[in-house]
Amino acid sequence: QVRLVESGGGLVQPGGSLRLSCAASGFTFSDYHMSWYHQTPRKERELVASISNIGSSLTYAESVKGRFSISRDNDKNTVYLQMNSLTPEDTAVYYCSAFRRSTRYWGQGTQVTVSS
């Protein structure tokens, strides 16, 4: 059974930091590229960051470049999203996704709220 379980979300003040984790199981983690998306009630789900299966290629949305960092640990089957200098505009549900060729898996999401 494929599972992607996000954790690390919560309430943080503007300018603060959070580290999201996504623990994967039920598939060969090192074969899959991993991504973080976010979604708000007003917008469609948007790509935040991606990392290739061996971590050699990273992609970021323009809005998070220089503030967020994606990484992965293939020994722990986990992908991370370090989020710094958070702003209220980063408030969203953050989803972890695994993809390879035509197959994509999603986690259940974790809420990040940036507010004073």
PDB file of N, CA and C in Angstrom:
ATOM      1  N   GLN A   1       0.838  -1.188   0.000  1.00  0.00           N
ATOM      2  CA  GLN A   1       0.000   0.000   0.000  1.00  0.00           C
ATOM      3  C   GLN A   1       0.882   1.250   0.000  1.00  0.00           C
ATOM      4  N   VAL A   2       0.642   2.117  -0.970  1.00  0.00           N
ATOM      5  CA  VAL A   2       1.417   3.342  -1.077  1.00  0.00           C
ATOM      6  C   VAL A   2       0.937   4.349  -0.046  1.00  0.00           C
ATOM      7  N   ARG A   3       1.885   4.934   0.660  1.00  0.00           N
ATOM      8  CA  ARG A   3       1.553   5.984   1.622  1.00  0.00           C
ATOM      9  C   ARG A   3       2.574   7.104   1.517  1.00  0.00           C
ATOM     10  N   LEU A   4       2.064   8.322   1.547  1.00  0.00           N
ATOM     11  CA  LEU A   4       2.873   9.535   1.686  1.00  0.00           C
ATOM     12  C   LEU A   4       2.272  10.305   2.849  1.00  0.00           C
ATOM     13  N   VAL A   5       3.052  10.477   3.895  1.00  0.00           N
ATOM     14  CA  VAL A   5       2.542  11.103   5.102  1.00  0.00           C
ATOM     15  C   VAL A   5       3.348  12.363   5.397  1.00  0.00           C
ATOM     16  N   GLU A   6       2.681  13.506   5.249  1.00  0.00           N
ATOM     17  CA  GLU A   6       3.324  14.792   5.529  1.00  0.00           C
ATOM     18  C   GLU A   6       3.223  15.129   7.008  1.00  0.00           C
ATOM     19  N   SER A   7       4.197  15.869   7.479  1.00  0.00           N
ATOM     20  CA  SER A   7       4.187  16.372   8.847  1.00  0.00           C
ATOM     21  C   SER A   7       4.999  17.655   8.901  1.00  0.00           C
ATOM     22  N   GLY A   8       4.853  18.371  10.012  1.00  0.00           N
ATOM     23  CA  GLY A   8       5.653  19.573  10.226  1.00  0.00           C
ATOM     24  C   GLY A   8       4.930  20.876   9.985  1.00  0.00           C
ATOM     25  N   GLY A   9       3.694  20.808   9.521  1.00  0.00           N
ATOM     26  CA  GLY A   9       2.938  22.038   9.328  1.00  0.00           C
ATOM     27  C   GLY A   9       2.502  22.643  10.647  1.00  0.00           C
ATOM     28  N   GLY A  10       1.927  23.826  10.570  1.00  0.00           N
ATOM     29  CA  GLY A  10       1.447  24.490  11.778  1.00  0.00           C
ATOM     30  C   GLY A  10       1.335  25.976  11.578  1.00  0.00           C
ATOM     31  N   LEU A  11       1.230  26.670  12.702  1.00  0.00           N
ATOM     32  CA  LEU A  11       1.105  28.130  12.717  1.00  0.00           C
ATOM     33  C   LEU A  11       2.468  28.751  13.008  1.00  0.00           C
ATOM     34  N   VAL A  12       2.859  29.711  12.196  1.00  0.00           N
ATOM     35  CA  VAL A  12       4.141  30.376  12.380  1.00  0.00           C
ATOM     36  C   VAL A  12       3.972  31.855  12.083  1.00  0.00           C
ATOM     37  N   GLN A  13       4.744  32.685  12.752  1.00  0.00           N
ATOM     38  CA  GLN A  13       4.678  34.124  12.511  1.00  0.00           C
ATOM     39  C   GLN A  13       5.405  34.495  11.224  1.00  0.00           C
ATOM     40  N   PRO A  14       5.029  35.594  10.608  1.00  0.00           N
ATOM     41  CA  PRO A  14       5.759  36.063   9.421  1.00  0.00           C
ATOM     42  C   PRO A  14       7.248  36.208   9.732  1.00  0.00           C
ATOM     43  N   GLY A  15       8.061  35.762   8.781  1.00  0.00           N
ATOM     44  CA  GLY A  15       9.501  35.771   8.974  1.00  0.00           C
ATOM     45  C   GLY A  15      10.049  34.501   9.596  1.00  0.00           C
ATOM     46  N   GLY A  16       9.161  33.655  10.049  1.00  0.00           N
ATOM     47  CA  GLY A  16       9.578  32.416  10.696  1.00  0.00           C
ATOM     48  C   GLY A  16       9.889  31.305   9.714  1.00  0.00           C
ATOM     49  N   SER A  17      10.171  30.148  10.273  1.00  0.00           N
ATOM     50  CA  SER A  17      10.570  28.982   9.473  1.00  0.00           C
ATOM     51  C   SER A  17       9.791  27.748   9.898  1.00  0.00           C
ATOM     52  N   LEU A  18       9.640  26.853   8.953  1.00  0.00           N
ATOM     53  CA  LEU A  18       9.080  25.529   9.210  1.00  0.00           C
ATOM     54  C   LEU A  18       9.813  24.524   8.337  1.00  0.00           C
ATOM     55  N   ARG A  19       9.873  23.299   8.806  1.00  0.00           N
ATOM     56  CA  ARG A  19      10.414  22.220   8.011  1.00  0.00           C
ATOM     57  C   ARG A  19       9.359  21.133   7.863  1.00  0.00           C
ATOM     58  N   LEU A  20       8.938  20.918   6.640  1.00  0.00           N
ATOM     59  CA  LEU A  20       7.983  19.862   6.354  1.00  0.00           C
ATOM     60  C   LEU A  20       8.721  18.578   6.018  1.00  0.00           C
ATOM     61  N   SER A  21       8.128  17.467   6.422  1.00  0.00           N
ATOM     62  CA  SER A  21       8.652  16.151   6.086  1.00  0.00           C
ATOM     63  C   SER A  21       7.560  15.336   5.414  1.00  0.00           C
ATOM     64  N   CYS A  22       7.974  14.431   4.569  1.00  0.00           N
ATOM     65  CA  CYS A  22       7.039  13.523   3.915  1.00  0.00           C
ATOM     66  C   CYS A  22       7.672  12.138   3.925  1.00  0.00           C
ATOM     67  N   ALA A  23       7.069  11.247   4.689  1.00  0.00           N
ATOM     68  CA  ALA A  23       7.565   9.880   4.799  1.00  0.00           C
ATOM     69  C   ALA A  23       6.823   8.992   3.812  1.00  0.00           C
ATOM     70  N   ALA A  24       7.580   8.282   2.998  1.00  0.00           N
ATOM     71  CA  ALA A  24       7.003   7.456   1.940  1.00  0.00           C
ATOM     72  C   ALA A  24       7.149   5.967   2.252  1.00  0.00           C
ATOM     73  N   SER A  25       6.178   5.199   1.805  1.00  0.00           N
ATOM     74  CA  SER A  25       6.249   3.747   1.941  1.00  0.00           C
ATOM     75  C   SER A  25       5.382   3.106   0.876  1.00  0.00           C
ATOM     76  N   GLY A  26       5.655   1.844   0.593  1.00  0.00           N
ATOM     77  CA  GLY A  26       4.833   1.099  -0.352  1.00  0.00           C
ATOM     78  C   GLY A  26       5.299   1.164  -1.790  1.00  0.00           C
ATOM     79  N   PHE A  27       6.407   1.841  -2.046  1.00  0.00           N
ATOM     80  CA  PHE A  27       6.973   1.880  -3.392  1.00  0.00           C
ATOM     81  C   PHE A  27       8.477   2.131  -3.268  1.00  0.00           C
ATOM     82  N   THR A  28       9.177   1.971  -4.368  1.00  0.00           N
ATOM     83  CA  THR A  28      10.621   2.163  -4.348  1.00  0.00           C
ATOM     84  C   THR A  28      10.930   3.646  -4.434  1.00  0.00           C
ATOM     85  N   PHE A  29      11.161   4.228  -3.273  1.00  0.00           N
ATOM     86  CA  PHE A  29      11.285   5.684  -3.142  1.00  0.00           C
ATOM     87  C   PHE A  29      12.355   6.251  -4.069  1.00  0.00           C
ATOM     88  N   SER A  30      13.485   5.582  -4.155  1.00  0.00           N
ATOM     89  CA  SER A  30      14.616   6.116  -4.924  1.00  0.00           C
ATOM     90  C   SER A  30      14.371   6.094  -6.428  1.00  0.00           C
ATOM     91  N   ASP A  31      13.295   5.479  -6.879  1.00  0.00           N
ATOM     92  CA  ASP A  31      12.947   5.484  -8.304  1.00  0.00           C
ATOM     93  C   ASP A  31      12.085   6.683  -8.687  1.00  0.00           C
ATOM     94  N   TYR A  32      11.581   7.392  -7.684  1.00  0.00           N
ATOM     95  CA  TYR A  32      10.582   8.424  -7.926  1.00  0.00           C
ATOM     96  C   TYR A  32      11.132   9.821  -7.685  1.00  0.00           C
ATOM     97  N   HIS A  33      10.764  10.725  -8.568  1.00  0.00           N
ATOM     98  CA  HIS A  33      10.982  12.144  -8.313  1.00  0.00           C
ATOM     99  C   HIS A  33       9.944  12.590  -7.289  1.00  0.00           C
ATOM    100  N   MET A  34      10.303  13.561  -6.489  1.00  0.00           N
ATOM    101  CA  MET A  34       9.421  14.017  -5.426  1.00  0.00           C
ATOM    102  C   MET A  34       9.167  15.520  -5.548  1.00  0.00           C
ATOM    103  N   SER A  35       7.962  15.904  -5.191  1.00  0.00           N
ATOM    104  CA  SER A  35       7.605  17.319  -5.274  1.00  0.00           C
ATOM    105  C   SER A  35       6.780  17.737  -4.069  1.00  0.00           C
ATOM    106  N   TRP A  36       6.790  19.028  -3.820  1.00  0.00           N
ATOM    107  CA  TRP A  36       5.872  19.658  -2.888  1.00  0.00           C
ATOM    108  C   TRP A  36       5.000  20.620  -3.691  1.00  0.00           C
ATOM    109  N   TYR A  37       3.700  20.552  -3.411  1.00  0.00           N
ATOM    110  CA  TYR A  37       2.729  21.475  -3.982  1.00  0.00           C
ATOM    111  C   TYR A  37       2.035  22.189  -2.838  1.00  0.00           C
ATOM    112  N   HIS A  38       1.417  23.332  -3.153  1.00  0.00           N
ATOM    113  CA  HIS A  38       0.542  23.939  -2.168  1.00  0.00           C
ATOM    114  C   HIS A  38      -0.758  24.370  -2.839  1.00  0.00           C
ATOM    115  N   GLN A  39      -1.789  24.489  -2.004  1.00  0.00           N
ATOM    116  CA  GLN A  39      -3.112  24.831  -2.511  1.00  0.00           C
ATOM    117  C   GLN A  39      -3.852  25.659  -1.480  1.00  0.00           C
ATOM    118  N   THR A  40      -4.530  26.710  -1.969  1.00  0.00           N
ATOM    119  CA  THR A  40      -5.407  27.508  -1.131  1.00  0.00           C
ATOM    120  C   THR A  40      -6.825  27.390  -1.693  1.00  0.00           C
ATOM    121  N   PRO A  41      -7.825  27.806  -0.927  1.00  0.00           N
ATOM    122  CA  PRO A  41      -9.203  27.730  -1.445  1.00  0.00           C
ATOM    123  C   PRO A  41      -9.426  28.546  -2.720  1.00  0.00           C
ATOM    124  N   ARG A  42      -8.580  29.551  -2.938  1.00  0.00           N
ATOM    125  CA  ARG A  42      -8.792  30.432  -4.094  1.00  0.00           C
ATOM    126  C   ARG A  42      -8.002  30.006  -5.320  1.00  0.00           C
ATOM    127  N   LYS A  43      -7.047  29.086  -5.136  1.00  0.00           N
ATOM    128  CA  LYS A  43      -6.165  28.752  -6.251  1.00  0.00           C
ATOM    129  C   LYS A  43      -6.092  27.252  -6.465  1.00  0.00           C
ATOM    130  N   GLU A  44      -5.703  26.900  -7.671  1.00  0.00           N
ATOM    131  CA  GLU A  44      -5.440  25.490  -7.960  1.00  0.00           C
ATOM    132  C   GLU A  44      -4.137  25.075  -7.276  1.00  0.00           C
ATOM    133  N   ARG A  45      -3.947  23.781  -7.184  1.00  0.00           N
ATOM    134  CA  ARG A  45      -2.724  23.265  -6.598  1.00  0.00           C
ATOM    135  C   ARG A  45      -1.540  23.685  -7.466  1.00  0.00           C
ATOM    136  N   GLU A  46      -0.509  24.226  -6.819  1.00  0.00           N
ATOM    137  CA  GLU A  46       0.643  24.756  -7.537  1.00  0.00           C
ATOM    138  C   GLU A  46       1.923  24.069  -7.080  1.00  0.00           C
ATOM    139  N   LEU A  47       2.820  23.889  -8.020  1.00  0.00           N
ATOM    140  CA  LEU A  47       4.112  23.311  -7.697  1.00  0.00           C
ATOM    141  C   LEU A  47       4.950  24.305  -6.894  1.00  0.00           C
ATOM    142  N   VAL A  48       5.529  23.824  -5.815  1.00  0.00           N
ATOM    143  CA  VAL A  48       6.422  24.639  -4.992  1.00  0.00           C
ATOM    144  C   VAL A  48       7.877  24.283  -5.283  1.00  0.00           C
ATOM    145  N   ALA A  49       8.180  22.994  -5.250  1.00  0.00           N
ATOM    146  CA  ALA A  49       9.551  22.542  -5.474  1.00  0.00           C
ATOM    147  C   ALA A  49       9.555  21.077  -5.869  1.00  0.00           C
ATOM    148  N   SER A  50      10.568  20.700  -6.640  1.00  0.00           N
ATOM    149  CA  SER A  50      10.741  19.312  -7.045  1.00  0.00           C
ATOM    150  C   SER A  50      12.189  18.900  -6.898  1.00  0.00           C
ATOM    151  N   ILE A  51      12.390  17.612  -6.703  1.00  0.00           N
ATOM    152  CA  ILE A  51      13.731  17.059  -6.620  1.00  0.00           C
ATOM    153  C   ILE A  51      13.732  15.727  -7.364  1.00  0.00           C
ATOM    154  N   SER A  52      14.769  15.508  -8.155  1.00  0.00           N
ATOM    155  CA  SER A  52      14.855  14.274  -8.930  1.00  0.00           C
ATOM    156  C   SER A  52      15.111  13.082  -8.013  1.00  0.00           C
ATOM    157  N   ASN A  53      15.004  11.903  -8.574  1.00  0.00           N
ATOM    158  CA  ASN A  53      15.040  10.693  -7.747  1.00  0.00           C
ATOM    159  C   ASN A  53      16.341  10.526  -6.976  1.00  0.00           C
ATOM    160  N   ILE A  54      17.453  11.006  -7.539  1.00  0.00           N
ATOM    161  CA  ILE A  54      18.719  10.900  -6.814  1.00  0.00           C
ATOM    162  C   ILE A  54      19.175  12.250  -6.274  1.00  0.00           C
ATOM    163  N   GLY A  55      18.315  13.239  -6.376  1.00  0.00           N
ATOM    164  CA  GLY A  55      18.608  14.536  -5.788  1.00  0.00           C
ATOM    165  C   GLY A  55      19.525  15.419  -6.596  1.00  0.00           C
ATOM    166  N   SER A  56      19.755  15.067  -7.835  1.00  0.00           N
ATOM    167  CA  SER A  56      20.712  15.826  -8.639  1.00  0.00           C
ATOM    168  C   SER A  56      20.093  17.039  -9.317  1.00  0.00           C
ATOM    169  N   SER A  57      18.778  17.090  -9.383  1.00  0.00           N
ATOM    170  CA  SER A  57      18.102  18.192 -10.054  1.00  0.00           C
ATOM    171  C   SER A  57      17.018  18.762  -9.147  1.00  0.00           C
ATOM    172  N   LEU A  58      17.045  20.081  -8.971  1.00  0.00           N
ATOM    173  CA  LEU A  58      16.086  20.767  -8.108  1.00  0.00           C
ATOM    174  C   LEU A  58      15.355  21.828  -8.927  1.00  0.00           C
ATOM    175  N   THR A  59      14.076  21.993  -8.628  1.00  0.00           N
ATOM    176  CA  THR A  59      13.263  23.014  -9.286  1.00  0.00           C
ATOM    177  C   THR A  59      12.444  23.733  -8.229  1.00  0.00           C
ATOM    178  N   TYR A  60      12.335  25.066  -8.391  1.00  0.00           N
ATOM    179  CA  TYR A  60      11.556  25.865  -7.434  1.00  0.00           C
ATOM    180  C   TYR A  60      10.625  26.817  -8.175  1.00  0.00           C
ATOM    181  N   ALA A  61       9.486  27.056  -7.575  1.00  0.00           N
ATOM    182  CA  ALA A  61       8.629  28.131  -8.050  1.00  0.00           C
ATOM    183  C   ALA A  61       9.326  29.459  -7.801  1.00  0.00           C
ATOM    184  N   GLU A  62       9.080  30.419  -8.670  1.00  0.00           N
ATOM    185  CA  GLU A  62       9.739  31.725  -8.528  1.00  0.00           C
ATOM    186  C   GLU A  62       9.446  32.359  -7.168  1.00  0.00           C
ATOM    187  N   SER A  63       8.255  32.140  -6.679  1.00  0.00           N
ATOM    188  CA  SER A  63       7.832  32.796  -5.439  1.00  0.00           C
ATOM    189  C   SER A  63       8.571  32.288  -4.203  1.00  0.00           C
ATOM    190  N   VAL A  64       9.241  31.143  -4.313  1.00  0.00           N
ATOM    191  CA  VAL A  64       9.916  30.590  -3.134  1.00  0.00           C
ATOM    192  C   VAL A  64      11.433  30.502  -3.296  1.00  0.00           C
ATOM    193  N   LYS A  65      11.936  30.853  -4.462  1.00  0.00           N
ATOM    194  CA  LYS A  65      13.385  30.775  -4.693  1.00  0.00           C
ATOM    195  C   LYS A  65      14.128  31.632  -3.674  1.00  0.00           C
ATOM    196  N   GLY A  66      15.158  31.057  -3.096  1.00  0.00           N
ATOM    197  CA  GLY A  66      15.956  31.759  -2.107  1.00  0.00           C
ATOM    198  C   GLY A  66      15.409  31.655  -0.696  1.00  0.00           C
ATOM    199  N   ARG A  67      14.185  31.145  -0.562  1.00  0.00           N
ATOM    200  CA  ARG A  67      13.572  31.014   0.769  1.00  0.00           C
ATOM    201  C   ARG A  67      13.323  29.553   1.157  1.00  0.00           C
ATOM    202  N   PHE A  68      12.948  28.741   0.184  1.00  0.00           N
ATOM    203  CA  PHE A  68      12.630  27.343   0.440  1.00  0.00           C
ATOM    204  C   PHE A  68      13.733  26.451  -0.123  1.00  0.00           C
ATOM    205  N   SER A  69      13.874  25.284   0.508  1.00  0.00           N
ATOM    206  CA  SER A  69      14.871  24.322   0.046  1.00  0.00           C
ATOM    207  C   SER A  69      14.301  22.911   0.151  1.00  0.00           C
ATOM    208  N   ILE A  70      14.342  22.183  -0.960  1.00  0.00           N
ATOM    209  CA  ILE A  70      13.860  20.803  -0.967  1.00  0.00           C
ATOM    210  C   ILE A  70      15.054  19.865  -0.886  1.00  0.00           C
ATOM    211  N   SER A  71      14.892  18.788  -0.153  1.00  0.00           N
ATOM    212  CA  SER A  71      15.938  17.770  -0.050  1.00  0.00           C
ATOM    213  C   SER A  71      15.289  16.418   0.181  1.00  0.00           C
ATOM    214  N   ARG A  72      16.090  15.370   0.064  1.00  0.00           N
ATOM    215  CA  ARG A  72      15.562  14.030   0.281  1.00  0.00           C
ATOM    216  C   ARG A  72      16.632  13.143   0.884  1.00  0.00           C
ATOM    217  N   ASP A  73      16.162  12.125   1.588  1.00  0.00           N
ATOM    218  CA  ASP A  73      17.036  11.118   2.159  1.00  0.00           C
ATOM    219  C   ASP A  73      16.505   9.766   1.682  1.00  0.00           C
ATOM    220  N   ASN A  74      17.162   9.194   0.709  1.00  0.00           N
ATOM    221  CA  ASN A  74      16.672   7.944   0.136  1.00  0.00           C
ATOM    222  C   ASN A  74      16.845   6.750   1.082  1.00  0.00           C
ATOM    223  N   ASP A  75      17.702   6.901   2.071  1.00  0.00           N
ATOM    224  CA  ASP A  75      17.834   5.832   3.066  1.00  0.00           C
ATOM    225  C   ASP A  75      16.647   5.841   4.032  1.00  0.00           C
ATOM    226  N   LYS A  76      16.079   7.007   4.234  1.00  0.00           N
ATOM    227  CA  LYS A  76      14.944   7.144   5.155  1.00  0.00           C
ATOM    228  C   LYS A  76      13.608   7.247   4.418  1.00  0.00           C
ATOM    229  N   ASN A  77      13.641   7.190   3.096  1.00  0.00           N
ATOM    230  CA  ASN A  77      12.404   7.315   2.291  1.00  0.00           C
ATOM    231  C   ASN A  77      11.620   8.573   2.661  1.00  0.00           C
ATOM    232  N   THR A  78      12.335   9.666   2.772  1.00  0.00           N
ATOM    233  CA  THR A  78      11.720  10.910   3.231  1.00  0.00           C
ATOM    234  C   THR A  78      12.190  12.077   2.370  1.00  0.00           C
ATOM    235  N   VAL A  79      11.250  12.968   2.091  1.00  0.00           N
ATOM    236  CA  VAL A  79      11.583  14.221   1.416  1.00  0.00           C
ATOM    237  C   VAL A  79      11.219  15.374   2.348  1.00  0.00           C
ATOM    238  N   TYR A  80      11.987  16.434   2.264  1.00  0.00           N
ATOM    239  CA  TYR A  80      11.832  17.563   3.178  1.00  0.00           C
ATOM    240  C   TYR A  80      11.607  18.855   2.386  1.00  0.00           C
ATOM    241  N   LEU A  81      10.988  19.792   3.054  1.00  0.00           N
ATOM    242  CA  LEU A  81      10.878  21.149   2.521  1.00  0.00           C
ATOM    243  C   LEU A  81      11.188  22.114   3.655  1.00  0.00           C
ATOM    244  N   GLN A  82      12.344  22.733   3.580  1.00  0.00           N
ATOM    245  CA  GLN A  82      12.716  23.750   4.548  1.00  0.00           C
ATOM    246  C   GLN A  82      12.191  25.088   4.050  1.00  0.00           C
ATOM    247  N   MET A  83      11.377  25.726   4.871  1.00  0.00           N
ATOM    248  CA  MET A  83      10.738  26.976   4.476  1.00  0.00           C
ATOM    249  C   MET A  83      11.183  28.087   5.421  1.00  0.00           C
ATOM    250  N   ASN A  84      11.858  29.077   4.869  1.00  0.00           N
ATOM    251  CA  ASN A  84      12.348  30.206   5.650  1.00  0.00           C
ATOM    252  C   ASN A  84      11.692  31.501   5.182  1.00  0.00           C
ATOM    253  N   SER A  85      11.808  32.522   6.006  1.00  0.00           N
ATOM    254  CA  SER A  85      11.265  33.847   5.677  1.00  0.00           C
ATOM    255  C   SER A  85       9.816  33.753   5.198  1.00  0.00           C
ATOM    256  N   LEU A  86       9.034  33.037   5.949  1.00  0.00           N
ATOM    257  CA  LEU A  86       7.645  32.802   5.549  1.00  0.00           C
ATOM    258  C   LEU A  86       6.830  34.091   5.598  1.00  0.00           C
ATOM    259  N   THR A  87       5.898  34.182   4.663  1.00  0.00           N
ATOM    260  CA  THR A  87       4.983  35.320   4.587  1.00  0.00           C
ATOM    261  C   THR A  87       3.546  34.806   4.619  1.00  0.00           C
ATOM    262  N   PRO A  88       2.593  35.678   4.899  1.00  0.00           N
ATOM    263  CA  PRO A  88       1.186  35.230   4.896  1.00  0.00           C
ATOM    264  C   PRO A  88       0.768  34.610   3.552  1.00  0.00           C
ATOM    265  N   GLU A  89       1.411  35.017   2.469  1.00  0.00           N
ATOM    266  CA  GLU A  89       1.092  34.458   1.157  1.00  0.00           C
ATOM    267  C   GLU A  89       1.499  32.990   1.022  1.00  0.00           C
ATOM    268  N   ASP A  90       2.311  32.504   1.936  1.00  0.00           N
ATOM    269  CA  ASP A  90       2.699  31.087   1.926  1.00  0.00           C
ATOM    270  C   ASP A  90       1.659  30.206   2.618  1.00  0.00           C
ATOM    271  N   THR A  91       0.663  30.821   3.227  1.00  0.00           N
ATOM    272  CA  THR A  91      -0.389  30.062   3.889  1.00  0.00           C
ATOM    273  C   THR A  91      -1.128  29.185   2.891  1.00  0.00           C
ATOM    274  N   ALA A  92      -1.163  27.887   3.166  1.00  0.00           N
ATOM    275  CA  ALA A  92      -1.768  26.932   2.231  1.00  0.00           C
ATOM    276  C   ALA A  92      -1.705  25.543   2.846  1.00  0.00           C
ATOM    277  N   VAL A  93      -2.358  24.608   2.187  1.00  0.00           N
ATOM    278  CA  VAL A  93      -2.142  23.193   2.479  1.00  0.00           C
ATOM    279  C   VAL A  93      -1.013  22.727   1.572  1.00  0.00           C
ATOM    280  N   TYR A  94      -0.027  22.083   2.167  1.00  0.00           N
ATOM    281  CA  TYR A  94       1.133  21.611   1.420  1.00  0.00           C
ATOM    282  C   TYR A  94       1.029  20.099   1.232  1.00  0.00           C
ATOM    283  N   TYR A  95       1.189  19.689  -0.019  1.00  0.00           N
ATOM    284  CA  TYR A  95       1.075  18.281  -0.386  1.00  0.00           C
ATOM    285  C   TYR A  95       2.401  17.746  -0.911  1.00  0.00           C
ATOM    286  N   CYS A  96       2.699  16.559  -0.520  1.00  0.00           N
ATOM    287  CA  CYS A  96       3.837  15.820  -1.035  1.00  0.00           C
ATOM    288  C   CYS A  96       3.347  14.953  -2.195  1.00  0.00           C
ATOM    289  N   SER A  97       4.183  14.823  -3.223  1.00  0.00           N
ATOM    290  CA  SER A  97       3.816  14.007  -4.376  1.00  0.00           C
ATOM    291  C   SER A  97       5.021  13.243  -4.880  1.00  0.00           C
ATOM    292  N   ALA A  98       4.781  12.004  -5.264  1.00  0.00           N
ATOM    293  CA  ALA A  98       5.806  11.165  -5.884  1.00  0.00           C
ATOM    294  C   ALA A  98       5.390  10.889  -7.321  1.00  0.00           C
ATOM    295  N   PHE A  99       6.319  10.989  -8.240  1.00  0.00           N
ATOM    296  CA  PHE A  99       5.952  10.709  -9.621  1.00  0.00           C
ATOM    297  C   PHE A  99       7.080  10.042 -10.381  1.00  0.00           C
ATOM    298  N   ARG A 100       6.668   9.187 -11.302  1.00  0.00           N
ATOM    299  CA  ARG A 100       7.594   8.471 -12.177  1.00  0.00           C
ATOM    300  C   ARG A 100       6.806   8.068 -13.410  1.00  0.00           C
ATOM    301  N   ARG A 101       7.267   8.549 -14.537  1.00  0.00           N
ATOM    302  CA  ARG A 101       6.579   8.306 -15.808  1.00  0.00           C
ATOM    303  C   ARG A 101       5.115   8.730 -15.662  1.00  0.00           C
ATOM    304  N   SER A 102       4.165   7.865 -15.809  1.00  0.00           N
ATOM    305  CA  SER A 102       2.755   8.242 -15.777  1.00  0.00           C
ATOM    306  C   SER A 102       2.110   7.992 -14.414  1.00  0.00           C
ATOM    307  N   THR A 103       2.904   7.620 -13.441  1.00  0.00           N
ATOM    308  CA  THR A 103       2.377   7.309 -12.111  1.00  0.00           C
ATOM    309  C   THR A 103       2.644   8.455 -11.149  1.00  0.00           C
ATOM    310  N   ARG A 104       1.620   8.857 -10.426  1.00  0.00           N
ATOM    311  CA  ARG A 104       1.767   9.914  -9.429  1.00  0.00           C
ATOM    312  C   ARG A 104       0.973   9.541  -8.186  1.00  0.00           C
ATOM    313  N   TYR A 105       1.614   9.746  -7.063  1.00  0.00           N
ATOM    314  CA  TYR A 105       0.983   9.538  -5.759  1.00  0.00           C
ATOM    315  C   TYR A 105       0.931  10.848  -4.996  1.00  0.00           C
ATOM    316  N   TRP A 106      -0.083  10.977  -4.136  1.00  0.00           N
ATOM    317  CA  TRP A 106      -0.254  12.183  -3.327  1.00  0.00           C
ATOM    318  C   TRP A 106      -0.387  11.838  -1.857  1.00  0.00           C
ATOM    319  N   GLY A 107       0.112  12.743  -1.015  1.00  0.00           N
ATOM    320  CA  GLY A 107      -0.155  12.655   0.399  1.00  0.00           C
ATOM    321  C   GLY A 107      -1.448  13.366   0.737  1.00  0.00           C
ATOM    322  N   GLN A 108      -1.776  13.373   2.025  1.00  0.00           N
ATOM    323  CA  GLN A 108      -3.051  13.952   2.462  1.00  0.00           C
ATOM    324  C   GLN A 108      -2.955  15.443   2.738  1.00  0.00           C
ATOM    325  N   GLY A 109      -1.739  15.949   2.796  1.00  0.00           N
ATOM    326  CA  GLY A 109      -1.535  17.384   2.989  1.00  0.00           C
ATOM    327  C   GLY A 109      -1.330  17.772   4.443  1.00  0.00           C
ATOM    328  N   THR A 110      -0.629  18.883   4.620  1.00  0.00           N
ATOM    329  CA  THR A 110      -0.434  19.454   5.945  1.00  0.00           C
ATOM    330  C   THR A 110      -0.622  20.966   5.851  1.00  0.00           C
ATOM    331  N   GLN A 111      -1.348  21.518   6.811  1.00  0.00           N
ATOM    332  CA  GLN A 111      -1.682  22.947   6.776  1.00  0.00           C
ATOM    333  C   GLN A 111      -0.531  23.779   7.299  1.00  0.00           C
ATOM    334  N   VAL A 112      -0.177  24.800   6.554  1.00  0.00           N
ATOM    335  CA  VAL A 112       0.785  25.806   6.990  1.00  0.00           C
ATOM    336  C   VAL A 112       0.062  27.139   7.040  1.00  0.00           C
ATOM    337  N   THR A 113       0.091  27.773   8.197  1.00  0.00           N
ATOM    338  CA  THR A 113      -0.547  29.070   8.367  1.00  0.00           C
ATOM    339  C   THR A 113       0.486  30.064   8.869  1.00  0.00           C
ATOM    340  N   VAL A 114       0.649  31.155   8.119  1.00  0.00           N
ATOM    341  CA  VAL A 114       1.602  32.198   8.490  1.00  0.00           C
ATOM    342  C   VAL A 114       0.794  33.425   8.898  1.00  0.00           C
ATOM    343  N   SER A 115       0.856  33.731  10.181  1.00  0.00           N
ATOM    344  CA  SER A 115       0.033  34.816  10.699  1.00  0.00           C
ATOM    345  C   SER A 115       0.614  35.320  12.004  1.00  0.00           C
ATOM    346  N   SER A 116       0.423  36.614  12.236  1.00  0.00           N
ATOM    347  CA  SER A 116       0.846  37.185  13.503  1.00  0.00           C
ATOM    348  C   SER A 116      -0.305  37.191  14.503  1.00  0.00           C
TER     349      SER A 116
END
